[in-house]
Each structure stands twice: as structure tokens, then as C-alpha cells.
Amino acid sequence: MKALAKAVADRSKKSFAAKVELQDLKRLDAEWLACFTAANVTYTDVAAKAAWSRQAADHTGKLRKGEPFNRAYSLEDFQADYTTRQQNAKHGMAEAATEAQPIIAKILERFLAAVEATLDEVERAEIADYGEWGLAYTPSPKVLALRQLKDGVRTSIPVPGQSAYGRPGQSVPFLDLL
């Protein structure tokens, strides 16, 4: 569907996002991605064990040289700390996604109008062509795909007040957020 959405957007030659909306959406998408990386790479249980192992190696090296060190943390300390940080990162993902919802809703409503206009244009042309040949109209795969895209966009417009969790940029695949 991403390719179809991009084709509709390119065909319409419209801008679906104002400059400030695009900037805000890029910022929120980057914040979401940073929190996602923290939750799924930086602060995992594996990372906690690795940090604990690095601490142990560092302390062993200092002890062998007769150097003091402040405090040694247990594996459980690292795991508890990393779990807290991971939960904070997941909360940050939800906050960024929820903050992006009103922007996404406006953009998707504009895009939905373009999808509907494209569908109407394509379907009218097909109906006329079939009529010219005296054939009963049967929607083509293109019309069926546009109908499916229209329904998908309509159902993906965020509802105000609901929490969101998905990456903001993935809600508007027809925009170039990079």
C-alpha cells in the first residue's frame, strides 16, 4: 500500500503537510525513534549484564593496580536501573506518538480527500470506457486497491484523546520524513 499511497500523493501534486507540521512530525518521529532505541537496544537485560561485566572488569583492573574505586553495583542493581530506564523510554515513545496524533489526523484528512478524488477520477474513466465497449462494469485491480487505500486511510485517522504507540512517520508513508 505504501507504493500506492506514494503514487496518489505524487499524482495529486498537493502538499499534505504545512512546513511547521512537517517539522513537528519529523521532530516527534526522531524522538520516538530515540526512545525506541533506548527501550530495545540500550537498556535491555543483555545490556545490563554487559554493563555489569564491564564494571567488574574495570574494578578488577583497578584492584590489581592498587587503585580505589567508589562503589560496586550488583547485577540486580544494573537490571533494576535498566528496567526503569527501559520503561521510561517506552513511556517516551507513547508520549511522542500521542503528541503527533493531531498533526497526523490533519495530514491524513487532506490525503484522504486526494485518494477519494483519484478514485473517483479513475473509476469514472473506467466506467466510461466499459460503457463505450458495451460491457458491464467490473472494477479493475487498480480501483479495488484505491478503494482499499481509501478505507485504510479513513480508519487510520487518529481519534482525539486516545493514546498512541506506533512510530509517527509510519502513519504518513507518502511523506518523506528523512
N, C-alpha and C. Protein backbone atom coordinates (compact mmCIF):
# COMPACT_ATOMS: atom_id res chain seq x y z
N MET A 1 0.81 -1.20 0.00
CA MET A 1 0.00 0.00 0.00
C MET A 1 0.85 1.27 0.00
N LYS A 2 2.08 1.17 0.52
CA LYS A 2 2.94 2.35 0.57
C LYS A 2 3.18 2.91 -0.83
N ALA A 3 3.45 2.02 -1.79
CA ALA A 3 3.71 2.47 -3.16
C ALA A 3 2.47 3.13 -3.75
N LEU A 4 1.31 2.57 -3.49
CA LEU A 4 0.06 3.15 -3.99
C LEU A 4 -0.19 4.51 -3.35
N ALA A 5 0.03 4.62 -2.05
CA ALA A 5 -0.15 5.90 -1.36
C ALA A 5 0.80 6.94 -1.92
N LYS A 6 2.04 6.55 -2.18
CA LYS A 6 3.03 7.46 -2.75
C LYS A 6 2.60 7.89 -4.15
N ALA A 7 2.07 6.96 -4.93
CA ALA A 7 1.62 7.28 -6.29
C ALA A 7 0.46 8.28 -6.27
N VAL A 8 -0.47 8.09 -5.36
CA VAL A 8 -1.59 9.02 -5.24
C VAL A 8 -1.09 10.39 -4.83
N ALA A 9 -0.18 10.42 -3.86
CA ALA A 9 0.37 11.70 -3.40
C ALA A 9 1.11 12.41 -4.52
N ASP A 10 1.92 11.68 -5.26
CA ASP A 10 2.68 12.28 -6.36
C ASP A 10 1.75 12.78 -7.47
N ARG A 11 0.72 12.00 -7.75
CA ARG A 11 -0.23 12.35 -8.81
C ARG A 11 -1.02 13.61 -8.45
N SER A 12 -1.34 13.76 -7.19
CA SER A 12 -2.17 14.89 -6.77
C SER A 12 -1.40 16.21 -6.81
N LYS A 13 -0.08 16.12 -6.70
CA LYS A 13 0.80 17.30 -6.70
C LYS A 13 0.41 18.30 -5.61
N LYS A 14 -0.16 17.79 -4.52
CA LYS A 14 -0.54 18.64 -3.40
C LYS A 14 0.43 18.45 -2.24
N SER A 15 0.48 19.45 -1.41
CA SER A 15 1.26 19.35 -0.19
C SER A 15 0.29 19.01 0.93
N PHE A 16 0.50 17.91 1.57
CA PHE A 16 -0.44 17.45 2.60
C PHE A 16 -0.07 17.95 3.99
N ALA A 17 1.13 18.50 4.11
CA ALA A 17 1.59 18.98 5.41
C ALA A 17 2.19 20.37 5.25
N ALA A 18 1.80 21.26 6.14
CA ALA A 18 2.41 22.58 6.19
C ALA A 18 3.85 22.41 6.69
N LYS A 19 4.68 23.39 6.42
CA LYS A 19 6.10 23.31 6.80
C LYS A 19 6.25 23.05 8.30
N VAL A 20 5.49 23.77 9.12
CA VAL A 20 5.60 23.60 10.57
C VAL A 20 5.10 22.22 11.00
N GLU A 21 4.07 21.71 10.34
CA GLU A 21 3.58 20.35 10.65
C GLU A 21 4.64 19.32 10.31
N LEU A 22 5.27 19.49 9.18
CA LEU A 22 6.32 18.56 8.76
C LEU A 22 7.50 18.60 9.73
N GLN A 23 7.89 19.80 10.15
CA GLN A 23 8.99 19.93 11.12
C GLN A 23 8.63 19.26 12.44
N ASP A 24 7.41 19.51 12.93
CA ASP A 24 6.98 18.90 14.19
C ASP A 24 6.92 17.38 14.08
N LEU A 25 6.40 16.89 12.96
CA LEU A 25 6.29 15.45 12.77
C LEU A 25 7.68 14.80 12.67
N LYS A 26 8.61 15.46 12.00
CA LYS A 26 9.98 14.94 11.92
C LYS A 26 10.61 14.88 13.31
N ARG A 27 10.40 15.95 14.09
CA ARG A 27 10.96 16.00 15.45
C ARG A 27 10.36 14.88 16.31
N LEU A 28 9.05 14.71 16.25
CA LEU A 28 8.39 13.68 17.06
C LEU A 28 8.78 12.28 16.60
N ASP A 29 8.96 12.10 15.31
CA ASP A 29 9.39 10.81 14.79
C ASP A 29 10.80 10.50 15.28
N ALA A 30 11.68 11.50 15.28
CA ALA A 30 13.05 11.31 15.77
C ALA A 30 13.06 11.02 17.27
N GLU A 31 12.21 11.71 18.03
CA GLU A 31 12.11 11.45 19.47
C GLU A 31 11.62 10.03 19.72
N TRP A 32 10.60 9.62 18.97
CA TRP A 32 10.07 8.26 19.11
C TRP A 32 11.16 7.24 18.82
N LEU A 33 11.92 7.46 17.75
CA LEU A 33 12.97 6.52 17.37
C LEU A 33 14.07 6.46 18.41
N ALA A 34 14.43 7.61 19.00
CA ALA A 34 15.45 7.62 20.05
C ALA A 34 14.97 6.82 21.26
N CYS A 35 13.72 6.99 21.63
CA CYS A 35 13.16 6.24 22.76
C CYS A 35 13.06 4.75 22.42
N PHE A 36 12.71 4.43 21.18
CA PHE A 36 12.63 3.04 20.75
C PHE A 36 14.00 2.38 20.87
N THR A 37 15.04 3.08 20.42
CA THR A 37 16.40 2.54 20.51
C THR A 37 16.79 2.33 21.97
N ALA A 38 16.45 3.30 22.81
CA ALA A 38 16.77 3.16 24.23
C ALA A 38 16.05 1.96 24.83
N ALA A 39 14.78 1.78 24.50
CA ALA A 39 13.99 0.70 25.08
C ALA A 39 14.39 -0.67 24.56
N ASN A 40 14.82 -0.74 23.30
CA ASN A 40 15.04 -2.04 22.68
C ASN A 40 16.50 -2.39 22.41
N VAL A 41 17.40 -1.45 22.64
CA VAL A 41 18.82 -1.72 22.41
C VAL A 41 19.65 -1.32 23.62
N THR A 42 19.53 -0.07 24.03
CA THR A 42 20.40 0.48 25.05
C THR A 42 20.12 -0.07 26.45
N TYR A 43 18.85 -0.20 26.82
CA TYR A 43 18.51 -0.57 28.19
C TYR A 43 17.81 -1.92 28.30
N THR A 44 18.34 -2.91 27.64
CA THR A 44 17.80 -4.26 27.72
C THR A 44 18.50 -5.04 28.84
N ASP A 45 17.99 -6.20 29.12
CA ASP A 45 18.61 -7.06 30.13
C ASP A 45 20.02 -7.46 29.69
N VAL A 46 20.19 -7.72 28.40
CA VAL A 46 21.51 -8.07 27.86
C VAL A 46 22.48 -6.91 28.07
N ALA A 47 22.00 -5.69 27.83
CA ALA A 47 22.85 -4.51 28.02
C ALA A 47 23.20 -4.32 29.50
N ALA A 48 22.27 -4.61 30.39
CA ALA A 48 22.54 -4.50 31.84
C ALA A 48 23.65 -5.48 32.24
N LYS A 49 23.56 -6.71 31.73
CA LYS A 49 24.59 -7.71 32.04
C LYS A 49 25.94 -7.29 31.48
N ALA A 50 25.94 -6.70 30.29
CA ALA A 50 27.19 -6.24 29.68
C ALA A 50 27.79 -5.10 30.51
N ALA A 51 26.95 -4.18 30.98
CA ALA A 51 27.45 -3.06 31.80
C ALA A 51 28.01 -3.58 33.12
N TRP A 52 27.34 -4.54 33.71
CA TRP A 52 27.82 -5.14 34.95
C TRP A 52 29.17 -5.82 34.73
N SER A 53 29.29 -6.52 33.60
CA SER A 53 30.56 -7.19 33.27
C SER A 53 31.67 -6.17 33.04
N ARG A 54 31.37 -5.05 32.37
CA ARG A 54 32.38 -4.00 32.16
C ARG A 54 32.81 -3.41 33.50
N GLN A 55 31.84 -3.21 34.40
CA GLN A 55 32.17 -2.69 35.73
C GLN A 55 33.10 -3.66 36.46
N ALA A 56 32.77 -4.94 36.39
CA ALA A 56 33.60 -5.94 37.08
C ALA A 56 35.01 -5.95 36.52
N ALA A 57 35.14 -5.89 35.21
CA ALA A 57 36.46 -5.88 34.58
C ALA A 57 37.23 -4.61 34.97
N ASP A 58 36.55 -3.48 34.99
CA ASP A 58 37.17 -2.22 35.38
C ASP A 58 37.65 -2.27 36.83
N HIS A 59 36.80 -2.79 37.70
CA HIS A 59 37.17 -2.87 39.11
C HIS A 59 38.31 -3.87 39.34
N THR A 60 38.29 -4.94 38.61
CA THR A 60 39.37 -5.92 38.73
C THR A 60 40.70 -5.29 38.33
N GLY A 61 40.68 -4.55 37.23
CA GLY A 61 41.88 -3.87 36.78
C GLY A 61 42.39 -2.86 37.80
N LYS A 62 41.47 -2.10 38.40
CA LYS A 62 41.85 -1.12 39.41
C LYS A 62 42.41 -1.81 40.65
N LEU A 63 41.78 -2.90 41.08
CA LEU A 63 42.26 -3.63 42.25
C LEU A 63 43.67 -4.18 42.00
N ARG A 64 43.93 -4.67 40.83
CA ARG A 64 45.25 -5.22 40.52
C ARG A 64 46.32 -4.16 40.55
N LYS A 65 45.93 -2.91 40.25
CA LYS A 65 46.88 -1.79 40.26
C LYS A 65 46.93 -1.10 41.62
N GLY A 66 46.06 -1.56 42.53
CA GLY A 66 46.02 -0.95 43.86
C GLY A 66 45.26 0.37 43.88
N GLU A 67 44.44 0.62 42.86
CA GLU A 67 43.68 1.86 42.78
C GLU A 67 42.31 1.67 43.44
N PRO A 68 41.81 2.71 44.09
CA PRO A 68 40.49 2.60 44.71
C PRO A 68 39.37 2.83 43.67
N PHE A 69 38.19 2.36 44.00
CA PHE A 69 37.01 2.68 43.19
C PHE A 69 35.87 2.96 44.14
N ASN A 70 34.89 3.74 43.67
CA ASN A 70 33.83 4.22 44.55
C ASN A 70 32.90 3.13 45.05
N ARG A 71 32.11 2.59 44.20
CA ARG A 71 31.11 1.63 44.64
C ARG A 71 30.93 0.59 43.55
N ALA A 72 30.69 -0.63 43.96
CA ALA A 72 30.39 -1.70 43.02
C ALA A 72 28.89 -1.98 43.07
N TYR A 73 28.28 -2.03 41.91
CA TYR A 73 26.85 -2.30 41.83
C TYR A 73 26.64 -3.76 41.47
N SER A 74 25.62 -4.36 42.04
CA SER A 74 25.33 -5.77 41.75
C SER A 74 24.63 -5.88 40.39
N LEU A 75 24.58 -7.08 39.88
CA LEU A 75 23.86 -7.34 38.65
C LEU A 75 22.40 -6.93 38.81
N GLU A 76 21.84 -7.22 39.96
CA GLU A 76 20.44 -6.86 40.22
C GLU A 76 20.24 -5.34 40.21
N ASP A 77 21.24 -4.58 40.72
CA ASP A 77 21.17 -3.12 40.66
C ASP A 77 21.12 -2.64 39.21
N PHE A 78 22.02 -3.20 38.39
CA PHE A 78 22.02 -2.83 36.97
C PHE A 78 20.71 -3.19 36.31
N GLN A 79 20.21 -4.39 36.59
CA GLN A 79 18.97 -4.83 35.95
C GLN A 79 17.79 -3.94 36.36
N ALA A 80 17.71 -3.59 37.63
CA ALA A 80 16.63 -2.72 38.10
C ALA A 80 16.74 -1.33 37.45
N ASP A 81 17.96 -0.80 37.39
CA ASP A 81 18.17 0.51 36.77
C ASP A 81 17.80 0.48 35.29
N TYR A 82 18.25 -0.53 34.59
CA TYR A 82 17.97 -0.63 33.16
C TYR A 82 16.48 -0.86 32.90
N THR A 83 15.81 -1.62 33.76
CA THR A 83 14.37 -1.83 33.60
C THR A 83 13.63 -0.51 33.76
N THR A 84 14.02 0.29 34.73
CA THR A 84 13.40 1.60 34.94
C THR A 84 13.65 2.49 33.72
N ARG A 85 14.87 2.51 33.23
CA ARG A 85 15.18 3.32 32.06
C ARG A 85 14.41 2.84 30.83
N GLN A 86 14.28 1.54 30.68
CA GLN A 86 13.54 0.97 29.56
C GLN A 86 12.06 1.38 29.63
N GLN A 87 11.48 1.33 30.81
CA GLN A 87 10.08 1.75 30.98
C GLN A 87 9.91 3.24 30.68
N ASN A 88 10.87 4.05 31.11
CA ASN A 88 10.82 5.49 30.80
C ASN A 88 10.90 5.72 29.29
N ALA A 89 11.73 4.96 28.61
CA ALA A 89 11.85 5.10 27.16
C ALA A 89 10.55 4.69 26.47
N LYS A 90 9.92 3.63 26.94
CA LYS A 90 8.63 3.21 26.36
C LYS A 90 7.55 4.27 26.59
N HIS A 91 7.60 4.89 27.74
CA HIS A 91 6.66 5.97 28.03
C HIS A 91 6.94 7.15 27.09
N GLY A 92 8.20 7.44 26.82
CA GLY A 92 8.57 8.49 25.88
C GLY A 92 8.07 8.20 24.47
N MET A 93 8.11 6.92 24.07
CA MET A 93 7.58 6.53 22.76
C MET A 93 6.09 6.86 22.69
N ALA A 94 5.37 6.48 23.73
CA ALA A 94 3.92 6.73 23.75
C ALA A 94 3.61 8.22 23.75
N GLU A 95 4.39 8.99 24.49
CA GLU A 95 4.17 10.45 24.53
C GLU A 95 4.41 11.08 23.16
N ALA A 96 5.48 10.71 22.50
CA ALA A 96 5.78 11.27 21.18
C ALA A 96 4.70 10.88 20.17
N ALA A 97 4.28 9.63 20.21
CA ALA A 97 3.24 9.17 19.28
C ALA A 97 1.91 9.87 19.55
N THR A 98 1.57 10.04 20.80
CA THR A 98 0.31 10.70 21.16
C THR A 98 0.36 12.18 20.78
N GLU A 99 1.49 12.82 20.99
CA GLU A 99 1.63 14.24 20.62
C GLU A 99 1.54 14.43 19.10
N ALA A 100 1.94 13.43 18.34
CA ALA A 100 1.90 13.52 16.88
C ALA A 100 0.49 13.30 16.32
N GLN A 101 -0.39 12.73 17.09
CA GLN A 101 -1.72 12.38 16.58
C GLN A 101 -2.49 13.52 15.93
N PRO A 102 -2.60 14.70 16.53
CA PRO A 102 -3.36 15.76 15.87
C PRO A 102 -2.76 16.18 14.53
N ILE A 103 -1.45 16.17 14.44
CA ILE A 103 -0.77 16.52 13.19
C ILE A 103 -1.07 15.45 12.14
N ILE A 104 -0.95 14.20 12.54
CA ILE A 104 -1.21 13.08 11.62
C ILE A 104 -2.65 13.11 11.15
N ALA A 105 -3.58 13.41 12.05
CA ALA A 105 -5.00 13.45 11.68
C ALA A 105 -5.26 14.48 10.59
N LYS A 106 -4.69 15.67 10.74
CA LYS A 106 -4.89 16.72 9.73
C LYS A 106 -4.30 16.30 8.38
N ILE A 107 -3.11 15.73 8.42
CA ILE A 107 -2.45 15.31 7.18
C ILE A 107 -3.24 14.20 6.51
N LEU A 108 -3.69 13.21 7.29
CA LEU A 108 -4.44 12.10 6.71
C LEU A 108 -5.79 12.54 6.16
N GLU A 109 -6.43 13.52 6.79
CA GLU A 109 -7.69 14.03 6.25
C GLU A 109 -7.47 14.68 4.90
N ARG A 110 -6.39 15.44 4.74
CA ARG A 110 -6.06 16.05 3.46
C ARG A 110 -5.74 14.97 2.42
N PHE A 111 -4.99 13.97 2.85
CA PHE A 111 -4.63 12.89 1.94
C PHE A 111 -5.86 12.07 1.54
N LEU A 112 -6.77 11.85 2.48
CA LEU A 112 -7.99 11.11 2.17
C LEU A 112 -8.78 11.80 1.06
N ALA A 113 -8.85 13.11 1.09
CA ALA A 113 -9.54 13.85 0.03
C ALA A 113 -8.88 13.59 -1.33
N ALA A 114 -7.56 13.53 -1.35
CA ALA A 114 -6.84 13.25 -2.60
C ALA A 114 -7.09 11.82 -3.08
N VAL A 115 -7.12 10.89 -2.15
CA VAL A 115 -7.40 9.49 -2.51
C VAL A 115 -8.81 9.38 -3.09
N GLU A 116 -9.77 10.02 -2.45
CA GLU A 116 -11.16 9.97 -2.94
C GLU A 116 -11.27 10.60 -4.32
N ALA A 117 -10.61 11.73 -4.54
CA ALA A 117 -10.64 12.39 -5.85
C ALA A 117 -10.00 11.51 -6.92
N THR A 118 -8.87 10.88 -6.59
CA THR A 118 -8.20 9.99 -7.53
C THR A 118 -9.07 8.79 -7.85
N LEU A 119 -9.67 8.20 -6.83
CA LEU A 119 -10.55 7.05 -7.03
C LEU A 119 -11.72 7.42 -7.93
N ASP A 120 -12.36 8.55 -7.65
CA ASP A 120 -13.50 8.98 -8.47
C ASP A 120 -13.08 9.16 -9.93
N GLU A 121 -11.94 9.81 -10.14
CA GLU A 121 -11.45 10.07 -11.50
C GLU A 121 -11.16 8.76 -12.24
N VAL A 122 -10.44 7.86 -11.59
CA VAL A 122 -10.08 6.59 -12.22
C VAL A 122 -11.32 5.75 -12.48
N GLU A 123 -12.22 5.70 -11.52
CA GLU A 123 -13.41 4.87 -11.68
C GLU A 123 -14.33 5.42 -12.77
N ARG A 124 -14.51 6.75 -12.81
CA ARG A 124 -15.34 7.36 -13.86
C ARG A 124 -14.78 7.03 -15.25
N ALA A 125 -13.46 7.12 -15.39
CA ALA A 125 -12.83 6.82 -16.67
C ALA A 125 -13.05 5.36 -17.06
N GLU A 126 -12.94 4.46 -16.09
CA GLU A 126 -13.15 3.04 -16.39
C GLU A 126 -14.61 2.76 -16.76
N ILE A 127 -15.54 3.35 -16.04
CA ILE A 127 -16.97 3.15 -16.32
C ILE A 127 -17.29 3.64 -17.73
N ALA A 128 -16.75 4.80 -18.09
CA ALA A 128 -16.97 5.34 -19.43
C ALA A 128 -16.37 4.42 -20.50
N ASP A 129 -15.17 3.90 -20.24
CA ASP A 129 -14.52 3.01 -21.19
C ASP A 129 -15.33 1.72 -21.37
N TYR A 130 -15.77 1.13 -20.28
CA TYR A 130 -16.58 -0.09 -20.36
C TYR A 130 -17.87 0.20 -21.11
N GLY A 131 -18.50 1.35 -20.81
CA GLY A 131 -19.75 1.71 -21.49
C GLY A 131 -19.56 1.89 -22.98
N GLU A 132 -18.44 2.47 -23.38
CA GLU A 132 -18.14 2.66 -24.80
C GLU A 132 -18.08 1.33 -25.53
N TRP A 133 -17.62 0.31 -24.84
CA TRP A 133 -17.50 -1.02 -25.44
C TRP A 133 -18.75 -1.88 -25.20
N GLY A 134 -19.73 -1.31 -24.51
CA GLY A 134 -20.97 -2.05 -24.25
C GLY A 134 -20.80 -3.18 -23.25
N LEU A 135 -19.88 -3.00 -22.33
CA LEU A 135 -19.60 -4.04 -21.34
C LEU A 135 -20.12 -3.62 -19.97
N ALA A 136 -20.51 -4.60 -19.18
CA ALA A 136 -20.89 -4.34 -17.79
C ALA A 136 -19.61 -3.99 -17.02
N TYR A 137 -19.72 -2.99 -16.20
CA TYR A 137 -18.54 -2.52 -15.47
C TYR A 137 -18.15 -3.48 -14.36
N THR A 138 -16.88 -3.81 -14.35
CA THR A 138 -16.28 -4.58 -13.28
C THR A 138 -15.04 -3.80 -12.83
N PRO A 139 -14.95 -3.44 -11.55
CA PRO A 139 -13.80 -2.65 -11.09
C PRO A 139 -12.47 -3.38 -11.34
N SER A 140 -11.50 -2.62 -11.80
CA SER A 140 -10.17 -3.18 -12.05
C SER A 140 -9.42 -3.34 -10.73
N PRO A 141 -8.31 -4.07 -10.75
CA PRO A 141 -7.49 -4.18 -9.54
C PRO A 141 -7.04 -2.81 -9.02
N LYS A 142 -6.81 -1.86 -9.94
CA LYS A 142 -6.39 -0.52 -9.52
C LYS A 142 -7.51 0.16 -8.72
N VAL A 143 -8.74 0.07 -9.21
CA VAL A 143 -9.87 0.66 -8.49
C VAL A 143 -10.06 -0.02 -7.14
N LEU A 144 -9.96 -1.33 -7.13
CA LEU A 144 -10.12 -2.07 -5.87
C LEU A 144 -9.03 -1.68 -4.87
N ALA A 145 -7.80 -1.51 -5.36
CA ALA A 145 -6.69 -1.11 -4.48
C ALA A 145 -6.91 0.31 -3.96
N LEU A 146 -7.40 1.21 -4.82
CA LEU A 146 -7.69 2.58 -4.36
C LEU A 146 -8.81 2.59 -3.34
N ARG A 147 -9.82 1.75 -3.52
CA ARG A 147 -10.89 1.65 -2.52
C ARG A 147 -10.33 1.16 -1.19
N GLN A 148 -9.47 0.17 -1.26
CA GLN A 148 -8.85 -0.37 -0.05
C GLN A 148 -7.97 0.68 0.63
N LEU A 149 -7.24 1.46 -0.17
CA LEU A 149 -6.42 2.53 0.38
C LEU A 149 -7.30 3.57 1.06
N LYS A 150 -8.39 3.95 0.41
CA LYS A 150 -9.31 4.94 0.99
C LYS A 150 -9.84 4.44 2.34
N ASP A 151 -10.27 3.19 2.39
CA ASP A 151 -10.78 2.64 3.65
C ASP A 151 -9.68 2.58 4.71
N GLY A 152 -8.48 2.21 4.29
CA GLY A 152 -7.36 2.14 5.22
C GLY A 152 -7.00 3.49 5.79
N VAL A 153 -6.99 4.52 4.95
CA VAL A 153 -6.67 5.87 5.42
C VAL A 153 -7.77 6.35 6.36
N ARG A 154 -9.01 6.12 5.97
CA ARG A 154 -10.13 6.57 6.80
C ARG A 154 -10.07 5.95 8.20
N THR A 155 -9.76 4.67 8.27
CA THR A 155 -9.72 4.00 9.59
C THR A 155 -8.45 4.31 10.37
N SER A 156 -7.42 4.83 9.70
CA SER A 156 -6.17 5.11 10.42
C SER A 156 -6.08 6.55 10.93
N ILE A 157 -7.09 7.37 10.64
CA ILE A 157 -7.07 8.74 11.16
C ILE A 157 -7.24 8.66 12.67
N PRO A 158 -6.29 9.20 13.43
CA PRO A 158 -6.33 9.07 14.90
C PRO A 158 -7.57 9.74 15.51
N VAL A 159 -8.04 9.12 16.57
CA VAL A 159 -9.17 9.65 17.32
C VAL A 159 -8.62 10.48 18.48
N PRO A 160 -9.06 11.74 18.62
CA PRO A 160 -8.55 12.57 19.71
C PRO A 160 -8.77 11.92 21.08
N GLY A 161 -7.77 12.05 21.94
CA GLY A 161 -7.88 11.54 23.29
C GLY A 161 -7.38 10.13 23.49
N GLN A 162 -7.10 9.41 22.42
CA GLN A 162 -6.58 8.05 22.56
C GLN A 162 -5.07 8.08 22.60
N SER A 163 -4.51 7.15 23.36
CA SER A 163 -3.05 7.03 23.39
C SER A 163 -2.58 6.35 22.12
N ALA A 164 -1.37 6.68 21.71
CA ALA A 164 -0.78 6.09 20.52
C ALA A 164 0.56 5.46 20.88
N TYR A 165 0.99 4.49 20.10
CA TYR A 165 2.24 3.81 20.40
C TYR A 165 3.13 3.65 19.17
N GLY A 166 2.57 3.66 17.98
CA GLY A 166 3.35 3.43 16.77
C GLY A 166 4.20 4.61 16.37
N ARG A 167 5.18 4.33 15.54
CA ARG A 167 6.09 5.37 15.06
C ARG A 167 5.31 6.39 14.23
N PRO A 168 5.39 7.67 14.58
CA PRO A 168 4.60 8.69 13.88
C PRO A 168 4.82 8.72 12.37
N GLY A 169 6.05 8.60 11.93
CA GLY A 169 6.33 8.67 10.50
C GLY A 169 5.70 7.56 9.68
N GLN A 170 5.43 6.42 10.31
CA GLN A 170 4.83 5.31 9.58
C GLN A 170 3.35 5.53 9.32
N SER A 171 2.75 6.51 9.98
CA SER A 171 1.33 6.81 9.76
C SER A 171 1.12 7.59 8.48
N VAL A 172 2.17 8.19 7.96
CA VAL A 172 2.08 9.00 6.75
C VAL A 172 3.18 8.56 5.76
N PRO A 173 3.05 7.34 5.22
CA PRO A 173 4.13 6.79 4.39
C PRO A 173 4.35 7.53 3.07
N PHE A 174 3.41 8.37 2.69
CA PHE A 174 3.52 9.12 1.44
C PHE A 174 4.35 10.39 1.60
N LEU A 175 4.73 10.73 2.85
CA LEU A 175 5.58 11.89 3.11
C LEU A 175 7.02 11.43 3.31
N ASP A 176 7.94 12.24 2.86
CA ASP A 176 9.35 11.94 3.05
C ASP A 176 9.82 12.65 4.31
N LEU A 177 9.96 11.90 5.40
CA LEU A 177 10.35 12.50 6.67
C LEU A 177 11.84 12.45 6.95
N LEU A 178 12.61 11.84 6.09
CA LEU A 178 14.04 11.70 6.34
C LEU A 178 14.80 12.92 5.95
